[in-house]
Each structure stands twice: as C-alpha cells, then as structure tokens.
Amino acid sequence: MATAVYTVDGMSCGHCVNSVTEEVAGVNGITDVRVDLESGKVTVTGEGDIDDASVRAAIDEAGYEVRA
C-alpha cells in the first residue's frame, strides 16, 4: 500500500469533492480517495506505487489544479 497527498486549488463545495473523488477513484490501482475541502488536501491510497501523472491528470480532468 502506498499513500500520496496532493494540494488542490479551486475546490469550494461538495460538488468539487465529488468530482475529484470520482475522477481519482477511476485511476488504475487506486483503492481510496479522501478529500479535505477545508485544507484542499487530497489523500490517495493505492495497491502499489501510485501513478503520480495519472492522479494529477484525473484531478485536472475534474477541473482543478494540483499545486506544485
């Protein structure tokens, strides 16, 4: 199991949380996604190594930006 934490800009409501959760959960190997709206943190857990590029692309697809 591996865990990665991303800081995401632009999330402001429950719909934002749902969008990010749905997109990131669709990434191959991801087993859990936790979004903390207040801090903007997205915690991702995966079966093995987390494909950082795929997670970032999923967050982008949801309409949000990962802070560098």
PDB file of N, CA and C in Angstrom:
ATOM      1  N   MET A   1       0.841  -1.186   0.000  1.00  0.00           N
ATOM      2  CA  MET A   1       0.000   0.000   0.000  1.00  0.00           C
ATOM      3  C   MET A   1       0.886   1.249   0.000  1.00  0.00           C
ATOM      4  N   ALA A   2       0.469   2.222  -0.776  1.00  0.00           N
ATOM      5  CA  ALA A   2       1.172   3.497  -0.836  1.00  0.00           C
ATOM      6  C   ALA A   2       0.156   4.614  -0.684  1.00  0.00           C
ATOM      7  N   THR A   3       0.618   5.731  -0.137  1.00  0.00           N
ATOM      8  CA  THR A   3      -0.246   6.892   0.047  1.00  0.00           C
ATOM      9  C   THR A   3       0.467   8.126  -0.486  1.00  0.00           C
ATOM     10  N   ALA A   4      -0.296   8.993  -1.130  1.00  0.00           N
ATOM     11  CA  ALA A   4       0.237  10.267  -1.606  1.00  0.00           C
ATOM     12  C   ALA A   4      -0.769  11.358  -1.268  1.00  0.00           C
ATOM     13  N   VAL A   5      -0.258  12.542  -0.982  1.00  0.00           N
ATOM     14  CA  VAL A   5      -1.118  13.676  -0.642  1.00  0.00           C
ATOM     15  C   VAL A   5      -0.857  14.799  -1.648  1.00  0.00           C
ATOM     16  N   TYR A   6      -1.938  15.349  -2.171  1.00  0.00           N
ATOM     17  CA  TYR A   6      -1.875  16.446  -3.141  1.00  0.00           C
ATOM     18  C   TYR A   6      -2.625  17.639  -2.583  1.00  0.00           C
ATOM     19  N   THR A   7      -2.126  18.840  -2.853  1.00  0.00           N
ATOM     20  CA  THR A   7      -2.845  20.061  -2.513  1.00  0.00           C
ATOM     21  C   THR A   7      -3.482  20.559  -3.805  1.00  0.00           C
ATOM     22  N   VAL A   8      -4.805  20.714  -3.756  1.00  0.00           N
ATOM     23  CA  VAL A   8      -5.565  21.037  -4.961  1.00  0.00           C
ATOM     24  C   VAL A   8      -6.204  22.416  -4.814  1.00  0.00           C
ATOM     25  N   ASP A   9      -6.005  23.249  -5.814  1.00  0.00           N
ATOM     26  CA  ASP A   9      -6.595  24.590  -5.827  1.00  0.00           C
ATOM     27  C   ASP A   9      -7.933  24.571  -6.560  1.00  0.00           C
ATOM     28  N   GLY A  10      -8.861  25.413  -6.086  1.00  0.00           N
ATOM     29  CA  GLY A  10     -10.109  25.635  -6.794  1.00  0.00           C
ATOM     30  C   GLY A  10     -11.321  24.909  -6.239  1.00  0.00           C
ATOM     31  N   MET A  11     -11.128  24.002  -5.279  1.00  0.00           N
ATOM     32  CA  MET A  11     -12.274  23.287  -4.710  1.00  0.00           C
ATOM     33  C   MET A  11     -12.956  24.173  -3.678  1.00  0.00           C
ATOM     34  N   SER A  12     -14.308  24.281  -3.776  1.00  0.00           N
ATOM     35  CA  SER A  12     -15.005  25.160  -2.839  1.00  0.00           C
ATOM     36  C   SER A  12     -16.328  24.600  -2.319  1.00  0.00           C
ATOM     37  N   CYS A  13     -16.723  23.395  -2.781  1.00  0.00           N
ATOM     38  CA  CYS A  13     -18.030  22.884  -2.376  1.00  0.00           C
ATOM     39  C   CYS A  13     -18.065  21.350  -2.439  1.00  0.00           C
ATOM     40  N   GLY A  14     -19.173  20.801  -2.034  1.00  0.00           N
ATOM     41  CA  GLY A  14     -19.356  19.361  -2.052  1.00  0.00           C
ATOM     42  C   GLY A  14     -19.282  18.782  -3.455  1.00  0.00           C
ATOM     43  N   HIS A  15     -19.774  19.533  -4.437  1.00  0.00           N
ATOM     44  CA  HIS A  15     -19.693  19.069  -5.819  1.00  0.00           C
ATOM     45  C   HIS A  15     -18.228  18.908  -6.238  1.00  0.00           C
ATOM     46  N   CYS A  16     -17.386  19.828  -5.803  1.00  0.00           N
ATOM     47  CA  CYS A  16     -15.950  19.760  -6.100  1.00  0.00           C
ATOM     48  C   CYS A  16     -15.359  18.473  -5.533  1.00  0.00           C
ATOM     49  N   VAL A  17     -15.695  18.194  -4.287  1.00  0.00           N
ATOM     50  CA  VAL A  17     -15.209  16.984  -3.615  1.00  0.00           C
ATOM     51  C   VAL A  17     -15.640  15.750  -4.396  1.00  0.00           C
ATOM     52  N   ASN A  18     -16.903  15.696  -4.783  1.00  0.00           N
ATOM     53  CA  ASN A  18     -17.417  14.542  -5.523  1.00  0.00           C
ATOM     54  C   ASN A  18     -16.726  14.381  -6.874  1.00  0.00           C
ATOM     55  N   SER A  19     -16.509  15.477  -7.566  1.00  0.00           N
ATOM     56  CA  SER A  19     -15.865  15.421  -8.882  1.00  0.00           C
ATOM     57  C   SER A  19     -14.444  14.877  -8.784  1.00  0.00           C
ATOM     58  N   VAL A  20     -13.688  15.412  -7.844  1.00  0.00           N
ATOM     59  CA  VAL A  20     -12.301  14.970  -7.678  1.00  0.00           C
ATOM     60  C   VAL A  20     -12.269  13.508  -7.234  1.00  0.00           C
ATOM     61  N   THR A  21     -13.117  13.166  -6.272  1.00  0.00           N
ATOM     62  CA  THR A  21     -13.150  11.794  -5.774  1.00  0.00           C
ATOM     63  C   THR A  21     -13.467  10.811  -6.896  1.00  0.00           C
ATOM     64  N   GLU A  22     -14.470  11.127  -7.695  1.00  0.00           N
ATOM     65  CA  GLU A  22     -14.888  10.235  -8.779  1.00  0.00           C
ATOM     66  C   GLU A  22     -13.786  10.052  -9.818  1.00  0.00           C
ATOM     67  N   GLU A  23     -13.154  11.142 -10.222  1.00  0.00           N
ATOM     68  CA  GLU A  23     -12.105  11.052 -11.241  1.00  0.00           C
ATOM     69  C   GLU A  23     -10.887  10.282 -10.735  1.00  0.00           C
ATOM     70  N   VAL A  24     -10.437  10.605  -9.526  1.00  0.00           N
ATOM     71  CA  VAL A  24      -9.232   9.967  -8.997  1.00  0.00           C
ATOM     72  C   VAL A  24      -9.489   8.494  -8.682  1.00  0.00           C
ATOM     73  N   ALA A  25     -10.675   8.173  -8.198  1.00  0.00           N
ATOM     74  CA  ALA A  25     -11.012   6.776  -7.902  1.00  0.00           C
ATOM     75  C   ALA A  25     -10.975   5.916  -9.164  1.00  0.00           C
ATOM     76  N   GLY A  26     -11.115   6.527 -10.324  1.00  0.00           N
ATOM     77  CA  GLY A  26     -11.076   5.799 -11.580  1.00  0.00           C
ATOM     78  C   GLY A  26      -9.671   5.474 -12.067  1.00  0.00           C
ATOM     79  N   VAL A  27      -8.663   5.995 -11.391  1.00  0.00           N
ATOM     80  CA  VAL A  27      -7.276   5.712 -11.776  1.00  0.00           C
ATOM     81  C   VAL A  27      -6.942   4.279 -11.379  1.00  0.00           C
ATOM     82  N   ASN A  28      -6.342   3.565 -12.300  1.00  0.00           N
ATOM     83  CA  ASN A  28      -5.994   2.166 -12.067  1.00  0.00           C
ATOM     84  C   ASN A  28      -5.113   2.003 -10.822  1.00  0.00           C
ATOM     85  N   GLY A  29      -5.507   1.107  -9.926  1.00  0.00           N
ATOM     86  CA  GLY A  29      -4.726   0.807  -8.731  1.00  0.00           C
ATOM     87  C   GLY A  29      -5.091   1.619  -7.503  1.00  0.00           C
ATOM     88  N   ILE A  30      -5.908   2.662  -7.665  1.00  0.00           N
ATOM     89  CA  ILE A  30      -6.303   3.496  -6.527  1.00  0.00           C
ATOM     90  C   ILE A  30      -7.400   2.776  -5.735  1.00  0.00           C
ATOM     91  N   THR A  31      -7.201   2.669  -4.429  1.00  0.00           N
ATOM     92  CA  THR A  31      -8.169   1.970  -3.584  1.00  0.00           C
ATOM     93  C   THR A  31      -8.970   2.901  -2.685  1.00  0.00           C
ATOM     94  N   ASP A  32      -8.464   4.123  -2.441  1.00  0.00           N
ATOM     95  CA  ASP A  32      -9.184   5.048  -1.569  1.00  0.00           C
ATOM     96  C   ASP A  32      -8.796   6.480  -1.904  1.00  0.00           C
ATOM     97  N   VAL A  33      -9.780   7.367  -1.853  1.00  0.00           N
ATOM     98  CA  VAL A  33      -9.552   8.800  -2.085  1.00  0.00           C
ATOM     99  C   VAL A  33     -10.259   9.563  -0.973  1.00  0.00           C
ATOM    100  N   ARG A  34      -9.527  10.416  -0.280  1.00  0.00           N
ATOM    101  CA  ARG A  34     -10.100  11.260   0.777  1.00  0.00           C
ATOM    102  C   ARG A  34      -9.816  12.714   0.423  1.00  0.00           C
ATOM    103  N   VAL A  35     -10.875  13.516   0.380  1.00  0.00           N
ATOM    104  CA  VAL A  35     -10.735  14.933   0.042  1.00  0.00           C
ATOM    105  C   VAL A  35     -11.125  15.760   1.253  1.00  0.00           C
ATOM    106  N   ASP A  36     -10.208  16.632   1.690  1.00  0.00           N
ATOM    107  CA  ASP A  36     -10.481  17.561   2.783  1.00  0.00           C
ATOM    108  C   ASP A  36     -10.675  18.941   2.157  1.00  0.00           C
ATOM    109  N   LEU A  37     -11.920  19.340   2.038  1.00  0.00           N
ATOM    110  CA  LEU A  37     -12.255  20.596   1.362  1.00  0.00           C
ATOM    111  C   LEU A  37     -11.609  21.798   2.041  1.00  0.00           C
ATOM    112  N   GLU A  38     -11.605  21.808   3.360  1.00  0.00           N
ATOM    113  CA  GLU A  38     -11.081  22.956   4.106  1.00  0.00           C
ATOM    114  C   GLU A  38      -9.604  23.202   3.826  1.00  0.00           C
ATOM    115  N   SER A  39      -8.806  22.134   3.802  1.00  0.00           N
ATOM    116  CA  SER A  39      -7.368  22.289   3.584  1.00  0.00           C
ATOM    117  C   SER A  39      -6.983  22.183   2.112  1.00  0.00           C
ATOM    118  N   GLY A  40      -7.882  21.647   1.283  1.00  0.00           N
ATOM    119  CA  GLY A  40      -7.572  21.437  -0.122  1.00  0.00           C
ATOM    120  C   GLY A  40      -6.714  20.208  -0.360  1.00  0.00           C
ATOM    121  N   LYS A  41      -6.582  19.360   0.640  1.00  0.00           N
ATOM    122  CA  LYS A  41      -5.744  18.165   0.531  1.00  0.00           C
ATOM    123  C   LYS A  41      -6.535  16.983  -0.010  1.00  0.00           C
ATOM    124  N   VAL A  42      -5.921  16.271  -0.945  1.00  0.00           N
ATOM    125  CA  VAL A  42      -6.488  15.044  -1.481  1.00  0.00           C
ATOM    126  C   VAL A  42      -5.500  13.934  -1.144  1.00  0.00           C
ATOM    127  N   THR A  43      -5.948  12.976  -0.344  1.00  0.00           N
ATOM    128  CA  THR A  43      -5.106  11.858   0.061  1.00  0.00           C
ATOM    129  C   THR A  43      -5.530  10.635  -0.745  1.00  0.00           C
ATOM    130  N   VAL A  44      -4.566  10.043  -1.421  1.00  0.00           N
ATOM    131  CA  VAL A  44      -4.822   8.925  -2.326  1.00  0.00           C
ATOM    132  C   VAL A  44      -4.068   7.702  -1.822  1.00  0.00           C
ATOM    133  N   THR A  45      -4.761   6.574  -1.751  1.00  0.00           N
ATOM    134  CA  THR A  45      -4.143   5.315  -1.350  1.00  0.00           C
ATOM    135  C   THR A  45      -4.257   4.344  -2.514  1.00  0.00           C
ATOM    136  N   GLY A  46      -3.173   3.610  -2.745  1.00  0.00           N
ATOM    137  CA  GLY A  46      -3.165   2.662  -3.846  1.00  0.00           C
ATOM    138  C   GLY A  46      -2.597   1.319  -3.440  1.00  0.00           C
ATOM    139  N   GLU A  47      -2.866   0.318  -4.271  1.00  0.00           N
ATOM    140  CA  GLU A  47      -2.409  -1.039  -4.016  1.00  0.00           C
ATOM    141  C   GLU A  47      -0.893  -1.145  -4.065  1.00  0.00           C
ATOM    142  N   GLY A  48      -0.286  -0.429  -4.959  1.00  0.00           N
ATOM    143  CA  GLY A  48       1.169  -0.435  -5.115  1.00  0.00           C
ATOM    144  C   GLY A  48       1.634   0.992  -5.277  1.00  0.00           C
ATOM    145  N   ASP A  49       2.630   1.183  -6.106  1.00  0.00           N
ATOM    146  CA  ASP A  49       3.098   2.538  -6.379  1.00  0.00           C
ATOM    147  C   ASP A  49       1.972   3.340  -7.035  1.00  0.00           C
ATOM    148  N   ILE A  50       1.831   4.577  -6.604  1.00  0.00           N
ATOM    149  CA  ILE A  50       0.798   5.459  -7.149  1.00  0.00           C
ATOM    150  C   ILE A  50       1.356   6.150  -8.386  1.00  0.00           C
ATOM    151  N   ASP A  51       0.602   6.082  -9.463  1.00  0.00           N
ATOM    152  CA  ASP A  51       0.993   6.732 -10.713  1.00  0.00           C
ATOM    153  C   ASP A  51       0.679   8.220 -10.588  1.00  0.00           C
ATOM    154  N   ASP A  52       1.688   8.978 -10.199  1.00  0.00           N
ATOM    155  CA  ASP A  52       1.514  10.406  -9.921  1.00  0.00           C
ATOM    156  C   ASP A  52       0.932  11.153 -11.121  1.00  0.00           C
ATOM    157  N   ALA A  53       1.429  10.867 -12.298  1.00  0.00           N
ATOM    158  CA  ALA A  53       0.958  11.564 -13.500  1.00  0.00           C
ATOM    159  C   ALA A  53      -0.522  11.279 -13.748  1.00  0.00           C
ATOM    160  N   SER A  54      -0.957  10.052 -13.514  1.00  0.00           N
ATOM    161  CA  SER A  54      -2.364   9.698 -13.727  1.00  0.00           C
ATOM    162  C   SER A  54      -3.273  10.377 -12.711  1.00  0.00           C
ATOM    163  N   VAL A  55      -2.816  10.462 -11.465  1.00  0.00           N
ATOM    164  CA  VAL A  55      -3.615  11.131 -10.433  1.00  0.00           C
ATOM    165  C   VAL A  55      -3.727  12.618 -10.763  1.00  0.00           C
ATOM    166  N   ARG A  56      -2.623  13.231 -11.131  1.00  0.00           N
ATOM    167  CA  ARG A  56      -2.650  14.655 -11.496  1.00  0.00           C
ATOM    168  C   ARG A  56      -3.549  14.899 -12.703  1.00  0.00           C
ATOM    169  N   ALA A  57      -3.501  13.997 -13.677  1.00  0.00           N
ATOM    170  CA  ALA A  57      -4.345  14.128 -14.868  1.00  0.00           C
ATOM    171  C   ALA A  57      -5.821  13.985 -14.495  1.00  0.00           C
ATOM    172  N   ALA A  58      -6.139  13.098 -13.568  1.00  0.00           N
ATOM    173  CA  ALA A  58      -7.524  12.909 -13.133  1.00  0.00           C
ATOM    174  C   ALA A  58      -8.044  14.151 -12.416  1.00  0.00           C
ATOM    175  N   ILE A  59      -7.207  14.755 -11.593  1.00  0.00           N
ATOM    176  CA  ILE A  59      -7.597  15.987 -10.894  1.00  0.00           C
ATOM    177  C   ILE A  59      -7.813  17.100 -11.915  1.00  0.00           C
ATOM    178  N   ASP A  60      -6.939  17.178 -12.904  1.00  0.00           N
ATOM    179  CA  ASP A  60      -7.084  18.162 -13.975  1.00  0.00           C
ATOM    180  C   ASP A  60      -8.370  17.923 -14.764  1.00  0.00           C
ATOM    181  N   GLU A  61      -8.667  16.653 -15.039  1.00  0.00           N
ATOM    182  CA  GLU A  61      -9.890  16.288 -15.776  1.00  0.00           C
ATOM    183  C   GLU A  61     -11.143  16.710 -15.002  1.00  0.00           C
ATOM    184  N   ALA A  62     -11.046  16.671 -13.672  1.00  0.00           N
ATOM    185  CA  ALA A  62     -12.185  17.090 -12.834  1.00  0.00           C
ATOM    186  C   ALA A  62     -12.346  18.616 -12.828  1.00  0.00           C
ATOM    187  N   GLY A  63     -11.331  19.321 -13.348  1.00  0.00           N
ATOM    188  CA  GLY A  63     -11.432  20.781 -13.462  1.00  0.00           C
ATOM    189  C   GLY A  63     -10.666  21.549 -12.394  1.00  0.00           C
ATOM    190  N   TYR A  64      -9.713  20.876 -11.754  1.00  0.00           N
ATOM    191  CA  TYR A  64      -8.952  21.509 -10.668  1.00  0.00           C
ATOM    192  C   TYR A  64      -7.476  21.362 -10.923  1.00  0.00           C
ATOM    193  N   GLU A  65      -6.687  22.120 -10.161  1.00  0.00           N
ATOM    194  CA  GLU A  65      -5.247  22.167 -10.392  1.00  0.00           C
ATOM    195  C   GLU A  65      -4.493  21.732  -9.143  1.00  0.00           C
ATOM    196  N   VAL A  66      -3.520  20.830  -9.357  1.00  0.00           N
ATOM    197  CA  VAL A  66      -2.649  20.413  -8.266  1.00  0.00           C
ATOM    198  C   VAL A  66      -1.593  21.493  -8.090  1.00  0.00           C
ATOM    199  N   ARG A  67      -1.464  21.968  -6.861  1.00  0.00           N
ATOM    200  CA  ARG A  67      -0.433  22.965  -6.562  1.00  0.00           C
ATOM    201  C   ARG A  67       0.928  22.278  -6.605  1.00  0.00           C
ATOM    202  N   ALA A  68       1.884  22.883  -7.240  1.00  0.00           N
ATOM    203  CA  ALA A  68       3.233  22.300  -7.382  1.00  0.00           C
ATOM    204  C   ALA A  68       3.938  22.144  -6.067  1.00  0.00           C
TER     205      ALA A  68
END
